[in-house]
N, C-alpha and C. Protein backbone atom coordinates (compact mmCIF):
# COMPACT_ATOMS: atom_id res chain seq x y z
N MET A 1 -11.37 -9.64 11.62
CA MET A 1 -10.46 -9.24 10.52
C MET A 1 -10.19 -9.89 9.16
N GLN A 2 -10.04 -8.85 8.13
CA GLN A 2 -9.98 -9.57 6.94
C GLN A 2 -8.94 -9.14 6.13
N ALA A 3 -8.32 -9.86 5.47
CA ALA A 3 -6.94 -9.43 4.87
C ALA A 3 -7.56 -9.69 3.15
N VAL A 4 -6.64 -8.73 2.26
CA VAL A 4 -7.38 -8.73 1.08
C VAL A 4 -6.16 -9.76 0.54
N ARG A 5 -6.55 -10.54 -0.54
CA ARG A 5 -5.67 -11.34 -1.41
C ARG A 5 -4.97 -10.48 -2.47
N ASP A 6 -3.61 -10.97 -2.24
CA ASP A 6 -2.49 -10.54 -2.83
C ASP A 6 -2.76 -10.50 -4.41
N ARG A 7 -2.75 -9.52 -4.93
CA ARG A 7 -2.70 -9.33 -6.35
C ARG A 7 -1.44 -8.84 -6.84
N SER A 8 -1.02 -9.49 -8.06
CA SER A 8 0.44 -9.10 -8.38
C SER A 8 0.17 -7.57 -9.33
N PHE A 9 0.44 -6.61 -9.03
CA PHE A 9 0.56 -5.43 -10.16
C PHE A 9 1.65 -4.95 -10.77
N PRO A 10 1.73 -4.79 -11.74
CA PRO A 10 3.11 -4.26 -12.45
C PRO A 10 3.90 -3.36 -11.37
N GLU A 11 5.13 -3.38 -11.02
CA GLU A 11 5.46 -2.16 -10.24
C GLU A 11 5.86 -1.07 -10.60
N THR A 12 5.49 -0.95 -12.24
CA THR A 12 5.67 0.37 -12.62
C THR A 12 3.97 1.21 -12.46
N HIS A 13 3.27 0.31 -12.25
CA HIS A 13 1.62 0.86 -11.95
C HIS A 13 2.01 1.24 -10.36
N VAL A 14 2.37 0.56 -9.63
CA VAL A 14 2.16 0.90 -7.97
C VAL A 14 3.37 2.02 -7.84
N LYS A 15 4.28 2.56 -8.59
CA LYS A 15 5.35 3.40 -8.23
C LYS A 15 4.65 4.82 -9.10
N GLN A 16 4.08 4.38 -10.08
CA GLN A 16 3.17 5.73 -10.50
C GLN A 16 2.22 6.39 -9.90
N ILE A 17 1.32 5.38 -9.46
CA ILE A 17 0.16 5.89 -8.33
C ILE A 17 0.86 6.63 -7.12
N ILE A 18 1.92 5.69 -6.57
CA ILE A 18 2.50 6.51 -5.41
C ILE A 18 2.99 7.84 -5.80
N GLN A 19 3.86 8.12 -6.75
CA GLN A 19 4.53 9.08 -7.21
C GLN A 19 3.12 10.41 -7.52
N ALA A 20 2.15 9.68 -8.13
CA ALA A 20 0.85 11.01 -8.38
C ALA A 20 0.39 11.29 -7.11
N LEU A 21 0.41 10.44 -5.95
CA LEU A 21 -0.28 10.77 -4.60
C LEU A 21 0.60 11.91 -3.85
N TYR A 22 1.94 11.75 -4.18
CA TYR A 22 2.79 12.75 -3.97
C TYR A 22 2.46 14.04 -4.31
N ALA A 23 2.39 14.04 -5.22
CA ALA A 23 1.97 15.41 -5.87
C ALA A 23 0.79 16.69 -5.67
N LEU A 24 -0.10 15.35 -5.02
CA LEU A 24 -1.92 15.92 -4.84
C LEU A 24 -1.89 16.76 -3.01
N PRO A 25 -2.27 17.49 -2.65
CA PRO A 25 -2.59 18.44 -1.81
C PRO A 25 -3.04 17.23 -0.78
N PRO A 26 -2.84 17.38 0.43
CA PRO A 26 -3.21 16.53 1.55
C PRO A 26 -4.64 15.96 1.29
N GLU A 27 -5.54 17.10 1.28
CA GLU A 27 -7.24 16.79 1.67
C GLU A 27 -7.30 16.18 0.00
N LYS A 28 -6.91 15.86 -0.99
CA LYS A 28 -6.96 15.34 -2.26
C LYS A 28 -6.62 13.72 -2.00
N VAL A 29 -5.60 13.74 -1.06
CA VAL A 29 -4.99 12.43 -0.91
C VAL A 29 -6.36 11.67 -0.05
N THR A 30 -6.88 12.54 0.71
CA THR A 30 -7.97 11.60 1.62
C THR A 30 -9.00 11.37 0.70
N GLU A 31 -9.72 12.22 -0.08
CA GLU A 31 -10.52 11.69 -1.31
C GLU A 31 -10.06 10.77 -2.10
N VAL A 32 -8.89 10.15 -2.34
CA VAL A 32 -8.29 9.34 -3.02
C VAL A 32 -8.43 7.75 -2.14
N TRP A 33 -7.85 8.33 -0.76
CA TRP A 33 -8.45 7.52 -0.06
C TRP A 33 -9.83 6.69 -0.20
N ASP A 34 -10.60 8.00 0.32
CA ASP A 34 -11.95 7.37 0.58
C ASP A 34 -12.47 6.31 -0.96
N PHE A 35 -11.97 6.89 -2.02
CA PHE A 35 -12.64 6.48 -2.86
C PHE A 35 -11.65 4.76 -3.35
N VAL A 36 -10.82 4.66 -2.73
CA VAL A 36 -10.12 3.41 -2.76
C VAL A 36 -10.84 2.35 -1.59
N ALA A 37 -11.23 3.03 -0.35
CA ALA A 37 -11.67 2.16 0.72
C ALA A 37 -12.93 1.63 0.04
N PHE A 38 -13.78 2.58 -0.79
CA PHE A 38 -15.37 2.38 -1.28
C PHE A 38 -14.75 1.18 -2.64
N LEU A 39 -13.74 1.11 -3.35
CA LEU A 39 -13.67 0.09 -4.18
C LEU A 39 -13.02 -1.01 -3.73
N GLN A 40 -12.77 -0.88 -2.66
CA GLN A 40 -11.98 -2.26 -1.86
C GLN A 40 -13.20 -2.55 -1.11
N ASP A 41 -14.30 -2.00 -0.49
CA ASP A 41 -15.45 -2.46 0.00
C ASP A 41 -16.50 -3.16 -0.99
N ARG A 42 -16.43 -2.47 -2.48
CA ARG A 42 -17.29 -2.92 -3.14
C ARG A 42 -16.84 -4.38 -4.04
N TYR A 43 -15.66 -4.30 -4.35
CA TYR A 43 -14.90 -5.10 -5.48
C TYR A 43 -13.68 -6.14 -4.67
N ALA A 44 -13.01 -5.67 -3.56
CA ALA A 44 -11.95 -6.52 -3.37
C ALA A 44 -12.53 -8.16 -2.81
N GLU A 45 -11.65 -8.77 -3.05
CA GLU A 45 -11.74 -10.52 -2.74
C GLU A 45 -10.95 -10.52 -1.19
N VAL A 46 -11.74 -11.04 -0.36
CA VAL A 46 -11.60 -10.94 1.21
C VAL A 46 -11.35 -12.39 1.43
N GLU A 47 -10.65 -13.25 2.52
CA GLU A 47 -10.39 -14.12 2.78
C GLU A 47 -10.28 -14.12 4.24
N PRO A 48 -10.96 -14.52 5.10
CA PRO A 48 -10.91 -14.76 6.46
C PRO A 48 -9.13 -14.91 7.10
N VAL A 49 -8.86 -13.82 8.12
CA VAL A 49 -7.56 -14.35 8.58
C VAL A 49 -7.31 -15.36 9.28
N ASP A 50 -6.46 -16.22 9.29
CA ASP A 50 -6.03 -17.45 10.11
C ASP A 50 -5.76 -16.90 11.24
N ALA A 51 -6.16 -17.02 12.55
CA ALA A 51 -5.84 -17.03 13.58
C ALA A 51 -4.86 -17.97 14.38
N ALA A 52 -4.10 -18.52 13.86
CA ALA A 52 -3.05 -19.56 14.26
C ALA A 52 -1.77 -18.80 14.63
N ASP A 53 -1.30 -19.33 15.76
CA ASP A 53 -0.24 -18.73 16.24
C ASP A 53 1.20 -18.90 15.22
N SER A 54 1.38 -19.52 14.33
CA SER A 54 2.32 -19.64 13.49
C SER A 54 2.38 -19.17 12.10
N TRP A 55 3.40 -18.54 11.33
CA TRP A 55 3.33 -18.04 10.38
C TRP A 55 3.46 -18.98 9.16
N SER A 56 2.54 -18.93 8.40
CA SER A 56 2.57 -19.65 7.05
C SER A 56 3.19 -18.96 6.37
N ASP A 57 3.92 -19.89 5.25
CA ASP A 57 4.65 -19.04 3.69
C ASP A 57 4.22 -17.79 3.53
N GLN A 58 2.52 -17.85 3.39
CA GLN A 58 1.85 -16.78 2.78
C GLN A 58 1.67 -15.57 3.47
N ASP A 59 1.76 -15.51 4.97
CA ASP A 59 2.02 -14.97 5.87
C ASP A 59 3.53 -13.91 5.92
N LEU A 60 4.40 -14.68 5.56
CA LEU A 60 6.12 -14.34 5.48
C LEU A 60 5.83 -13.59 4.59
N HIS A 61 5.24 -13.72 3.11
CA HIS A 61 5.10 -13.20 2.03
C HIS A 61 4.87 -11.69 2.15
N ASP A 62 3.42 -12.07 2.56
CA ASP A 62 2.82 -10.91 2.89
C ASP A 62 3.75 -9.64 3.66
N LEU A 63 4.28 -10.07 4.60
CA LEU A 63 4.89 -9.18 5.58
C LEU A 63 6.20 -8.55 4.79
N ARG A 64 6.57 -9.32 4.18
CA ARG A 64 7.97 -8.69 3.19
C ARG A 64 7.42 -8.02 2.17
N GLN A 65 6.50 -8.36 1.93
CA GLN A 65 5.72 -7.20 0.88
C GLN A 65 5.29 -6.02 1.31
N ALA A 66 4.78 -5.90 2.69
CA ALA A 66 4.43 -4.98 3.27
C ALA A 66 5.34 -4.03 3.80
N SER A 67 6.50 -4.65 4.25
CA SER A 67 7.76 -3.87 4.85
C SER A 67 8.69 -3.51 3.47
N LEU A 68 8.67 -3.93 2.06
CA LEU A 68 9.26 -3.49 1.33
C LEU A 68 8.32 -2.08 0.60
N ALA A 69 6.94 -2.10 0.87
CA ALA A 69 6.16 -1.00 0.48
C ALA A 69 6.58 0.04 1.30
N TYR A 70 6.42 -0.07 2.63
CA TYR A 70 6.31 0.82 3.69
C TYR A 70 7.82 1.30 3.48
N ALA A 71 8.97 0.27 3.79
CA ALA A 71 10.44 0.95 3.18
C ALA A 71 10.49 2.15 1.51
N GLU A 72 9.94 1.58 0.94
CA GLU A 72 9.78 2.43 -0.38
C GLU A 72 9.38 3.83 -0.17
N SER A 73 8.00 3.76 0.29
CA SER A 73 7.36 4.96 0.56
C SER A 73 8.45 5.88 1.69
N ALA A 74 8.60 5.27 2.68
CA ALA A 74 9.72 6.15 3.42
C ALA A 74 10.81 6.61 2.73
N LEU A 75 11.71 6.05 1.98
CA LEU A 75 12.56 6.32 1.09
C LEU A 75 12.09 7.23 0.35
N TRP A 76 11.04 7.16 -0.30
CA TRP A 76 10.63 8.22 -1.33
C TRP A 76 10.27 9.83 -0.28
N ALA A 77 9.33 9.45 0.64
CA ALA A 77 9.38 10.62 1.45
C ALA A 77 10.97 11.50 2.07
N GLU A 78 11.56 10.78 2.28
CA GLU A 78 12.67 11.21 2.34
C GLU A 78 13.74 12.05 1.45
N GLU A 79 13.61 11.20 0.49
CA GLU A 79 14.46 11.86 -0.73
C GLU A 79 13.54 13.21 -1.28
N LYS A 80 12.00 13.11 -1.03
CA LYS A 80 11.46 14.41 -1.44
C LYS A 80 11.69 15.45 0.03
N ASP A 81 11.98 15.32 1.03
CA ASP A 81 12.41 15.96 2.08
C ASP A 81 13.56 16.85 1.61
N ASP A 82 14.53 15.77 1.14
CA ASP A 82 15.81 16.22 1.16
C ASP A 82 15.92 16.89 -0.08
N ALA A 83 14.92 16.87 -1.21
CA ALA A 83 15.06 17.78 -2.48
C ALA A 83 14.56 19.00 -2.10
N GLN A 84 13.33 19.16 -1.25
CA GLN A 84 12.75 20.08 -0.93
C GLN A 84 13.83 21.04 0.13
N ALA A 85 14.88 20.79 0.89
CA ALA A 85 15.77 21.21 1.78
C ALA A 85 16.70 21.75 0.94
N GLY A 86 17.43 21.24 -0.19
CA GLY A 86 18.49 21.46 -0.74
C GLY A 86 18.39 22.04 -1.90
């Protein structure tokens, strides 16, 4: 298993990408995912995952980033559902 090195993207770019994905039909989102996976396989810098039992500062940082990204996407989906219902 490999982890992708953390790269800092401007937060506005990430939000714009997420918003654009919500505007696409599901089959197009699948195409986007396929393209992203292709780019990741071809260009991403990867490092082996440390299998140690302890959490490094980088592990905790990565967990926080992933948790925030998940919470943001879940909140965005909830707001979208509320807007459609109302």
